[in-house]
């Protein structure tokens, strides 16, 4: 098969790395890709949201499947674009329909779906600029800390957790009236704070059947000890050591199954990944949010633990035959540490030459924000590289990742040195 993969991050490099191992994949194109995907696939300079350019390329190269990495093209409706085009409708798109993608595209839509299908989630209400004062009154009914979420896509940065009531009211006004997150915060969801341990549950579904992928835990804060600003993710561990069979059974029966059943009841076409952000409160799993694609950097630990052919899985999703496949998982732990540009997630510089990649042993380097320039691999984003390792347990795996990071270098390179410490 000739396959087109959309995206440019570590998630997409991990997908590409796995997909080219499949005998079903003859040619893999990545749009736009990065310096890592360039070494194993064919990078194409097309934006994942330029649907017309994607159509022209797909027809020209006789692409037989499109796999969507990031959320933007899904929320903008790439699945429907293919389905409603006579020349494209026979080509499967791995990713949900536009309405399905609203589970990530709108926090309010997701909360309404959760409540409708009796899936456990935090109490909430939503507000606009017109009802901002009612929002302030609602905050007064809650116990601190206060959780404010921009309704739309805000690149993982639209969630604020605030301990002071006056500050929470001020930030609510900033989001709604002063458009702190632009259009993404034209509506804001306020919800009760849940105290527990977060984890990520990843599901692949053909809309009827589903497979639960390995669990993972990521680390969002820039600073050690989970301090500082939120990022796209600074590292991840899979499996999550404290998730036992009892908790997994609760997650499947109370959350995963009702979610997939909900797609069918609501007539939502959904062929792709569901990433369920959970919090474990006294051994009771509660949904914090849905994402409609794989997480990053969680993909970089989940996909390496899949023994099953990924392209075969995607074909089964396209043909609604996922129930016919047995998922095989590597029993080893996998960990990944993200190496970022100095200053990230605020202002940072690009174009820093990266050295030491050829010295990596017994780990896999997935490129996130990189590009090739004059024969050099240079930084091209906030999150630059992620170093994934296997181990008999997560501590052994993490040790390998840190040993290999010591061989890498670029100006102002930064990484957290405490990933996994909370699990020991």
Protein backbone atom coordinates (compact mmCIF):
# COMPACT_ATOMS: atom_id res chain seq x y z
CA UNK A 1 0.00 0.00 0.00
CA UNK A 2 0.90 3.64 -0.47
CA UNK A 3 0.04 5.52 2.72
CA UNK A 4 -0.02 9.22 3.61
CA UNK A 5 0.57 10.18 7.25
CA UNK A 6 -0.32 13.74 8.31
CA UNK A 7 1.70 15.58 10.97
CA UNK A 8 5.20 16.62 11.97
CA UNK A 9 5.82 15.67 15.61
CA UNK A 10 7.22 12.87 17.72
CA UNK A 11 3.87 11.10 17.52
CA UNK A 12 4.09 10.97 13.73
CA UNK A 13 7.73 9.80 13.76
CA UNK A 14 6.67 6.95 16.09
CA UNK A 15 3.76 6.05 13.78
CA UNK A 16 6.05 6.13 10.74
CA UNK A 17 8.70 4.02 12.52
CA UNK A 18 6.06 1.36 13.24
CA UNK A 19 4.20 1.53 9.92
CA UNK A 20 7.28 0.98 7.76
CA UNK A 21 7.90 -2.28 9.65
CA UNK A 22 4.69 -3.61 8.07
CA UNK A 23 4.90 -5.77 4.93
CA UNK A 24 1.62 -4.08 3.93
CA UNK A 25 3.32 -0.67 3.59
CA UNK A 26 5.24 -0.19 0.32
CA UNK A 27 5.52 3.59 0.29
CA UNK A 28 5.00 6.01 3.17
CA UNK A 29 4.61 9.75 2.68
CA UNK A 30 4.58 12.14 5.66
CA UNK A 31 3.14 15.66 5.36
CA UNK A 32 5.03 17.71 6.40
CA UNK A 33 7.15 15.39 8.59
CA UNK A 34 10.46 16.27 10.25
CA UNK A 35 14.17 15.36 10.05
CA UNK A 36 13.43 11.99 11.68
CA UNK A 37 10.68 10.93 9.29
CA UNK A 38 12.88 12.10 6.38
CA UNK A 39 15.32 9.25 7.11
CA UNK A 40 12.68 6.49 6.96
CA UNK A 41 9.86 7.86 4.74
CA UNK A 42 9.18 10.53 2.12
CA UNK A 43 8.46 13.99 3.53
CA UNK A 44 6.03 16.15 1.53
CA UNK A 45 5.77 19.90 2.07
CA UNK A 46 1.99 20.05 2.52
CA UNK A 47 0.11 21.39 5.54
CA UNK A 48 -2.16 18.80 7.25
CA UNK A 49 -5.04 21.30 6.99
CA UNK A 50 -4.60 22.13 3.28
CA UNK A 51 -7.26 19.67 2.10
CA UNK A 52 -7.13 20.69 -1.56
CA UNK A 53 -3.35 20.14 -1.73
CA UNK A 54 -3.79 16.81 0.07
CA UNK A 55 -6.45 15.76 -2.48
CA UNK A 56 -4.20 16.62 -5.44
CA UNK A 57 -1.28 14.72 -3.90
CA UNK A 58 -3.37 11.66 -2.97
CA UNK A 59 -4.71 11.36 -6.54
CA UNK A 60 -1.31 11.99 -8.11
CA UNK A 61 0.51 9.38 -5.99
CA UNK A 62 -2.41 6.88 -5.85
CA UNK A 63 -2.45 6.97 -2.05
CA UNK A 64 -4.56 4.12 -0.61
CA UNK A 65 -4.89 5.22 3.03
CA UNK A 66 -4.58 8.46 5.01
CA UNK A 67 -3.57 8.35 8.68
CA UNK A 68 -4.18 11.57 10.62
CA UNK A 69 -1.79 12.36 13.49
CA UNK A 70 -2.81 15.78 14.92
CA UNK A 71 -6.24 17.08 15.97
CA UNK A 72 -6.50 20.17 13.70
CA UNK A 73 -7.33 18.40 10.41
CA UNK A 74 -9.81 16.16 12.26
CA UNK A 75 -11.63 19.07 13.89
CA UNK A 76 -11.67 20.82 10.49
CA UNK A 77 -13.32 17.74 8.95
CA UNK A 78 -10.80 15.86 6.80
CA UNK A 79 -12.73 12.59 7.24
CA UNK A 80 -15.90 14.19 5.84
CA UNK A 81 -13.89 15.94 3.08
CA UNK A 82 -12.77 12.53 1.77
CA UNK A 83 -16.15 10.85 2.31
CA UNK A 84 -18.05 13.57 0.41
CA UNK A 85 -15.68 13.66 -2.59
CA UNK A 86 -16.43 11.20 -5.41
CA UNK A 87 -12.73 10.85 -6.26
CA UNK A 88 -11.63 10.28 -2.66
CA UNK A 89 -14.44 8.45 -0.88
CA UNK A 90 -12.94 4.98 -1.50
CA UNK A 91 -9.75 5.98 0.40
CA UNK A 92 -9.97 5.24 4.13
CA UNK A 93 -9.09 8.03 6.55
CA UNK A 94 -7.94 6.87 9.99
CA UNK A 95 -9.50 9.47 12.26
CA UNK A 96 -13.01 10.42 13.37
CA UNK A 97 -15.63 12.43 11.51
CA UNK A 98 -15.94 16.18 12.10
CA UNK A 99 -18.75 15.65 14.62
CA UNK A 100 -16.70 12.97 16.42
CA UNK A 101 -13.72 15.33 16.55
CA UNK A 102 -15.87 17.79 18.50
CA UNK A 103 -15.09 15.64 21.54
CA UNK A 104 -11.73 17.45 21.47
CA UNK A 105 -12.75 20.52 19.48
CA UNK A 106 -15.30 21.60 22.11
CA UNK A 107 -14.98 20.97 25.85
CA UNK A 108 -18.73 21.70 26.18
CA UNK A 109 -19.64 19.10 23.51
CA UNK A 110 -17.49 16.54 25.36
CA UNK A 111 -19.10 17.29 28.73
CA UNK A 112 -22.60 17.00 27.22
CA UNK A 113 -21.64 13.63 25.65
CA UNK A 114 -20.29 12.36 28.98
CA UNK A 115 -23.39 13.40 30.93
CA UNK A 116 -25.77 12.04 28.24
CA UNK A 117 -24.13 8.59 28.31
CA UNK A 118 -23.73 8.42 32.11
CA UNK A 119 -19.93 8.37 31.96
CA UNK A 120 -18.33 9.59 35.22
CA UNK A 121 -16.95 13.15 34.95
CA UNK A 122 -16.59 16.28 37.11
CA UNK A 123 -19.56 18.60 37.70
CA UNK A 124 -19.40 21.61 35.38
CA UNK A 125 -21.09 24.59 33.70
CA UNK A 126 -20.12 26.69 30.69
CA UNK A 127 -20.13 30.45 30.14
CA UNK A 128 -19.63 33.10 27.44
CA UNK A 129 -18.70 36.82 27.55
CA UNK A 130 -22.41 37.62 28.01
CA UNK A 131 -22.69 35.36 31.06
CA UNK A 132 -19.28 36.07 32.60
CA UNK A 133 -20.78 37.41 35.85
CA UNK A 134 -22.89 34.25 36.22
CA UNK A 135 -19.61 32.36 35.79
CA UNK A 136 -18.11 34.33 38.66
CA UNK A 137 -21.15 33.44 40.81
CA UNK A 138 -20.74 29.76 39.84
CA UNK A 139 -17.10 29.88 40.99
CA UNK A 140 -18.35 30.98 44.42
CA UNK A 141 -20.30 27.72 44.75
CA UNK A 142 -17.16 25.58 44.25
CA UNK A 143 -14.31 24.67 46.57
CA UNK A 144 -10.81 25.71 45.46
CA UNK A 145 -8.81 25.04 43.37
CA UNK A 146 -10.87 26.25 40.41
CA UNK A 147 -10.58 24.66 36.95
CA UNK A 148 -11.13 26.89 33.89
CA UNK A 149 -11.02 25.33 30.42
CA UNK A 150 -11.12 27.17 27.09
CA UNK A 151 -13.85 25.44 25.07
CA UNK A 152 -11.86 25.27 21.81
CA UNK A 153 -8.43 24.05 20.75
CA UNK A 154 -5.64 25.96 22.53
CA UNK A 155 -2.64 23.68 21.82
CA UNK A 156 -2.85 22.04 25.23
CA UNK A 157 -2.49 25.37 27.04
CA UNK A 158 -6.15 26.36 27.54
CA UNK A 159 -6.63 24.85 31.00
CA UNK A 160 -6.02 26.92 34.15
CA UNK A 161 -6.05 25.59 37.72
CA UNK A 162 -6.28 28.47 40.21
CA UNK A 163 -6.34 28.37 44.02
CA UNK A 164 -7.55 31.91 44.72
CA UNK A 165 -11.19 32.85 44.05
CA UNK A 166 -10.49 36.49 43.10
CA UNK A 167 -7.75 35.38 40.71
CA UNK A 168 -10.07 32.75 39.20
CA UNK A 169 -12.70 35.42 38.52
CA UNK A 170 -10.07 37.70 36.96
CA UNK A 171 -8.80 34.88 34.71
CA UNK A 172 -12.37 33.99 33.68
CA UNK A 173 -12.82 37.60 32.54
CA UNK A 174 -9.42 37.48 30.78
CA UNK A 175 -10.47 34.38 28.87
CA UNK A 176 -14.01 35.44 27.95
CA UNK A 177 -13.86 39.23 27.65
CA UNK A 178 -10.21 39.80 26.74
CA UNK A 179 -9.89 36.60 24.65
CA UNK A 180 -6.77 35.33 26.40
CA UNK A 181 -6.81 32.22 24.16
CA UNK A 182 -8.45 33.91 21.16
CA UNK A 183 -11.51 32.18 19.71
CA UNK A 184 -10.73 29.06 21.75
CA UNK A 185 -11.91 30.88 24.90
CA UNK A 186 -15.05 32.52 23.48
CA UNK A 187 -16.70 29.92 25.69
CA UNK A 188 -15.22 28.61 28.96
CA UNK A 189 -16.09 25.47 30.89
CA UNK A 190 -15.72 25.70 34.67
CA UNK A 191 -15.58 22.38 36.48
CA UNK A 192 -15.01 21.03 39.95
CA UNK A 193 -11.43 20.09 40.79
CA UNK A 194 -10.76 16.37 41.18
CA UNK A 195 -7.92 15.28 43.43
CA UNK A 196 -6.22 12.07 42.32
CA UNK A 197 -3.63 10.58 39.99
CA UNK A 198 -3.95 11.19 36.26
CA UNK A 199 -3.45 8.58 33.58
CA UNK A 200 -4.16 8.18 29.89
CA UNK A 201 -6.25 5.41 28.33
CA UNK A 202 -5.87 4.92 24.57
CA UNK A 203 -8.49 3.16 22.50
CA UNK A 204 -8.52 2.29 18.80
CA UNK A 205 -12.03 1.86 17.40
CA UNK A 206 -13.74 1.14 14.09
CA UNK A 207 -16.90 2.73 15.49
CA UNK A 208 -18.33 -0.58 16.75
CA UNK A 209 -15.44 -2.69 18.01
CA UNK A 210 -12.48 -1.42 19.99
CA UNK A 211 -9.04 -2.37 21.27
CA UNK A 212 -7.60 -0.86 24.44
CA UNK A 213 -3.94 0.02 23.88
CA UNK A 214 -1.31 0.08 26.68
CA UNK A 215 -1.83 2.70 29.39
CA UNK A 216 0.60 5.60 29.76
CA UNK A 217 1.24 8.52 32.08
CA UNK A 218 2.74 11.76 30.83
CA UNK A 219 4.32 14.72 32.57
CA UNK A 220 2.91 18.08 31.49
CA UNK A 221 4.78 20.66 33.58
CA UNK A 222 8.04 22.20 32.40
CA UNK A 223 9.68 22.11 35.84
CA UNK A 224 10.86 19.28 38.03
CA UNK A 225 8.47 18.21 40.78
CA UNK A 226 5.60 19.04 38.39
CA UNK A 227 6.11 22.80 38.71
CA UNK A 228 5.90 25.67 36.24
CA UNK A 229 3.91 26.08 33.05
CA UNK A 230 2.04 23.36 31.20
CA UNK A 231 3.71 21.99 28.07
CA UNK A 232 2.70 19.52 25.39
CA UNK A 233 4.42 16.87 27.55
CA UNK A 234 7.95 16.36 28.93
CA UNK A 235 8.05 12.57 29.16
CA UNK A 236 5.92 9.45 29.50
CA UNK A 237 5.89 5.99 31.07
CA UNK A 238 4.03 2.84 29.92
CA UNK A 239 2.49 0.82 31.46
CA UNK A 240 1.32 2.88 34.44
CA UNK A 241 2.56 0.82 37.42
CA UNK A 242 -0.41 1.50 39.72
CA UNK A 243 -3.10 0.50 37.19
CA UNK A 244 -4.19 -3.00 38.17
CA UNK A 245 -6.73 -5.37 36.59
CA UNK A 246 -9.52 -4.11 38.89
CA UNK A 247 -9.04 -0.46 37.84
CA UNK A 248 -8.70 -1.45 34.16
CA UNK A 249 -11.97 -3.38 34.36
CA UNK A 250 -13.71 -0.29 35.80
CA UNK A 251 -12.22 1.89 33.04
CA UNK A 252 -13.45 -0.48 30.35
CA UNK A 253 -16.98 -1.08 31.67
CA UNK A 254 -17.75 2.45 32.94
CA UNK A 255 -15.89 4.57 30.39
CA UNK A 256 -14.58 2.84 27.24
CA UNK A 257 -17.63 0.72 26.43
CA UNK A 258 -20.20 3.50 27.07
CA UNK A 259 -18.08 5.86 24.92
CA UNK A 260 -18.06 3.52 21.90
CA UNK A 261 -21.75 2.68 22.46
CA UNK A 262 -22.41 6.43 22.62
CA UNK A 263 -20.92 6.89 19.13
CA UNK A 264 -23.39 4.36 17.77
CA UNK A 265 -26.39 5.73 19.68
CA UNK A 266 -25.60 9.28 18.53
CA UNK A 267 -24.79 8.22 14.94
CA UNK A 268 -21.22 9.53 15.18
CA UNK A 269 -18.90 7.96 12.56
CA UNK A 270 -15.67 7.23 14.43
CA UNK A 271 -12.73 5.28 12.95
CA UNK A 272 -9.60 6.14 14.83
CA UNK A 273 -8.09 6.78 18.23
CA UNK A 274 -9.88 7.90 21.37
CA UNK A 275 -7.48 9.25 23.98
CA UNK A 276 -9.27 9.39 27.32
CA UNK A 277 -7.66 11.58 29.97
CA UNK A 278 -8.62 10.06 33.30
CA UNK A 279 -8.13 10.78 36.96
CA UNK A 280 -8.11 7.98 39.52
CA UNK A 281 -9.94 9.29 42.60
CA UNK A 282 -9.91 6.70 45.41
CA UNK A 283 -9.73 3.91 42.81
CA UNK A 284 -12.67 5.32 40.86
CA UNK A 285 -11.82 6.39 37.27
CA UNK A 286 -13.34 9.71 36.19
CA UNK A 287 -12.99 11.34 32.75
CA UNK A 288 -11.20 14.69 32.64
CA UNK A 289 -11.25 15.06 28.85
CA UNK A 290 -11.33 13.35 25.49
CA UNK A 291 -8.80 13.77 22.71
CA UNK A 292 -9.50 12.38 19.26
CA UNK A 293 -5.96 11.31 18.37
CA UNK A 294 -3.00 9.73 20.11
CA UNK A 295 -1.19 11.77 22.75
CA UNK A 296 2.32 13.09 22.35
CA UNK A 297 4.67 11.98 23.99
CA UNK A 298 2.51 8.98 25.03
CA UNK A 299 2.55 7.62 21.45
CA UNK A 300 6.34 7.31 21.77
CA UNK A 301 5.89 4.73 24.57
CA UNK A 302 2.57 3.10 23.54
CA UNK A 303 3.39 2.36 19.87
CA UNK A 304 6.82 0.79 20.63
CA UNK A 305 5.02 -1.66 22.96
CA UNK A 306 2.66 -2.84 20.18
CA UNK A 307 3.78 -6.13 18.66
CA UNK A 308 0.78 -6.21 16.30
CA UNK A 309 1.23 -4.81 12.78
CA UNK A 310 -0.04 -1.20 12.92
CA UNK A 311 -1.05 -1.05 9.25
CA UNK A 312 -3.03 -4.27 9.70
CA UNK A 313 -4.81 -2.62 12.64
CA UNK A 314 -5.61 0.47 10.54
CA UNK A 315 -7.00 -1.70 7.72
CA UNK A 316 -9.21 -3.51 10.24
CA UNK A 317 -10.46 -0.11 11.47
CA UNK A 318 -11.24 0.96 7.89
CA UNK A 319 -13.13 -2.30 7.21
CA UNK A 320 -14.88 -2.42 10.62
CA UNK A 321 -13.20 -5.75 11.39
CA UNK A 322 -11.20 -4.78 14.47
CA UNK A 323 -12.82 -7.64 16.40
CA UNK A 324 -10.95 -10.11 14.15
CA UNK A 325 -7.50 -8.93 15.30
CA UNK A 326 -5.66 -10.02 18.44
CA UNK A 327 -3.63 -7.25 20.02
CA UNK A 328 -0.16 -8.36 21.10
CA UNK A 329 1.68 -6.19 23.61
CA UNK A 330 5.38 -6.19 24.58
CA UNK A 331 5.53 -6.99 28.30
CA UNK A 332 8.51 -4.68 28.82
CA UNK A 333 8.14 -1.13 30.11
CA UNK A 334 8.82 1.76 27.78
CA UNK A 335 9.73 5.29 28.85
CA UNK A 336 10.45 8.46 26.93
CA UNK A 337 12.14 11.71 27.94
CA UNK A 338 11.45 14.87 25.94
CA UNK A 339 14.35 17.19 25.11
CA UNK A 340 13.17 20.77 24.56
CA UNK A 341 14.46 24.20 23.50
CA UNK A 342 15.55 26.56 26.28
CA UNK A 343 12.70 28.96 27.13
CA UNK A 344 9.92 26.56 26.05
CA UNK A 345 6.90 26.71 26.50
CA UNK A 346 7.39 30.49 26.25
CA UNK A 347 9.80 32.19 23.83
CA UNK A 348 12.52 29.94 22.44
CA UNK A 349 14.98 29.98 19.54
CA UNK A 350 15.01 27.59 16.59
CA UNK A 351 17.78 26.52 14.21
CA UNK A 352 20.17 25.09 16.83
CA UNK A 353 22.42 22.36 15.40
CA UNK A 354 21.89 19.01 17.16
CA UNK A 355 24.90 16.75 17.73
CA UNK A 356 25.34 13.23 19.10
CA UNK A 357 22.42 11.48 17.38
CA UNK A 358 24.80 8.90 15.87
CA UNK A 359 26.02 7.93 19.37
CA UNK A 360 22.64 6.71 20.68
CA UNK A 361 22.66 3.02 21.67
CA UNK A 362 19.83 0.82 22.89
CA UNK A 363 17.27 3.65 22.70
CA UNK A 364 15.06 5.02 19.92
CA UNK A 365 15.18 8.75 19.17
CA UNK A 366 11.90 10.13 17.83
CA UNK A 367 12.17 13.59 16.29
CA UNK A 368 9.54 16.14 17.33
CA UNK A 369 10.58 19.65 16.29
CA UNK A 370 13.49 19.14 13.89
CA UNK A 371 14.38 19.81 10.27
CA UNK A 372 17.32 19.23 7.92
CA UNK A 373 19.35 22.31 7.06
CA UNK A 374 22.64 22.26 5.10
CA UNK A 375 23.18 18.62 5.99
CA UNK A 376 22.61 19.22 9.71
CA UNK A 377 19.67 18.24 11.92
CA UNK A 378 18.52 21.48 13.59
CA UNK A 379 15.87 22.35 16.17
CA UNK A 380 12.58 23.56 14.68
CA UNK A 381 10.16 23.67 17.62
CA UNK A 382 9.75 23.83 21.38
CA UNK A 383 9.83 20.08 21.84
CA UNK A 384 12.80 18.88 19.80
CA UNK A 385 13.56 15.17 20.40
CA UNK A 386 12.28 12.39 22.58
CA UNK A 387 14.39 9.43 23.68
CA UNK A 388 12.48 6.16 24.16
CA UNK A 389 13.89 3.06 25.87
CA UNK A 390 12.68 -0.38 26.91
CA UNK A 391 13.35 -2.01 30.28
CA UNK A 392 12.17 -4.86 32.47
CA UNK A 393 10.62 -2.12 34.60
CA UNK A 394 10.19 1.62 34.09
CA UNK A 395 13.23 2.46 36.25
CA UNK A 396 15.56 0.44 34.02
CA UNK A 397 14.03 2.01 30.92
CA UNK A 398 14.34 5.56 32.28
CA UNK A 399 17.98 4.99 33.20
CA UNK A 400 18.74 4.05 29.56
CA UNK A 401 16.97 7.14 28.24
CA UNK A 402 18.94 9.46 30.54
CA UNK A 403 22.24 7.76 29.66
CA UNK A 404 21.55 8.40 25.97
CA UNK A 405 20.37 11.99 26.47
CA UNK A 406 23.82 12.68 27.92
CA UNK A 407 25.23 11.99 24.42
CA UNK A 408 23.01 14.63 22.79
CA UNK A 409 23.69 18.33 22.63
CA UNK A 410 22.34 21.58 21.21
CA UNK A 411 22.46 25.17 22.47
CA UNK A 412 20.14 25.78 25.48
CA UNK A 413 18.92 22.13 25.46
CA UNK A 414 16.67 21.31 28.45
CA UNK A 415 14.96 18.20 29.85
CA UNK A 416 13.40 17.16 33.13
CA UNK A 417 15.57 14.90 35.27
CA UNK A 418 12.74 13.56 37.46
CA UNK A 419 10.44 11.71 35.01
CA UNK A 420 9.04 8.64 36.79
CA UNK A 421 10.23 9.67 40.25
CA UNK A 422 6.64 9.88 41.51
CA UNK A 423 6.10 6.21 40.57
CA UNK A 424 9.00 4.81 42.61
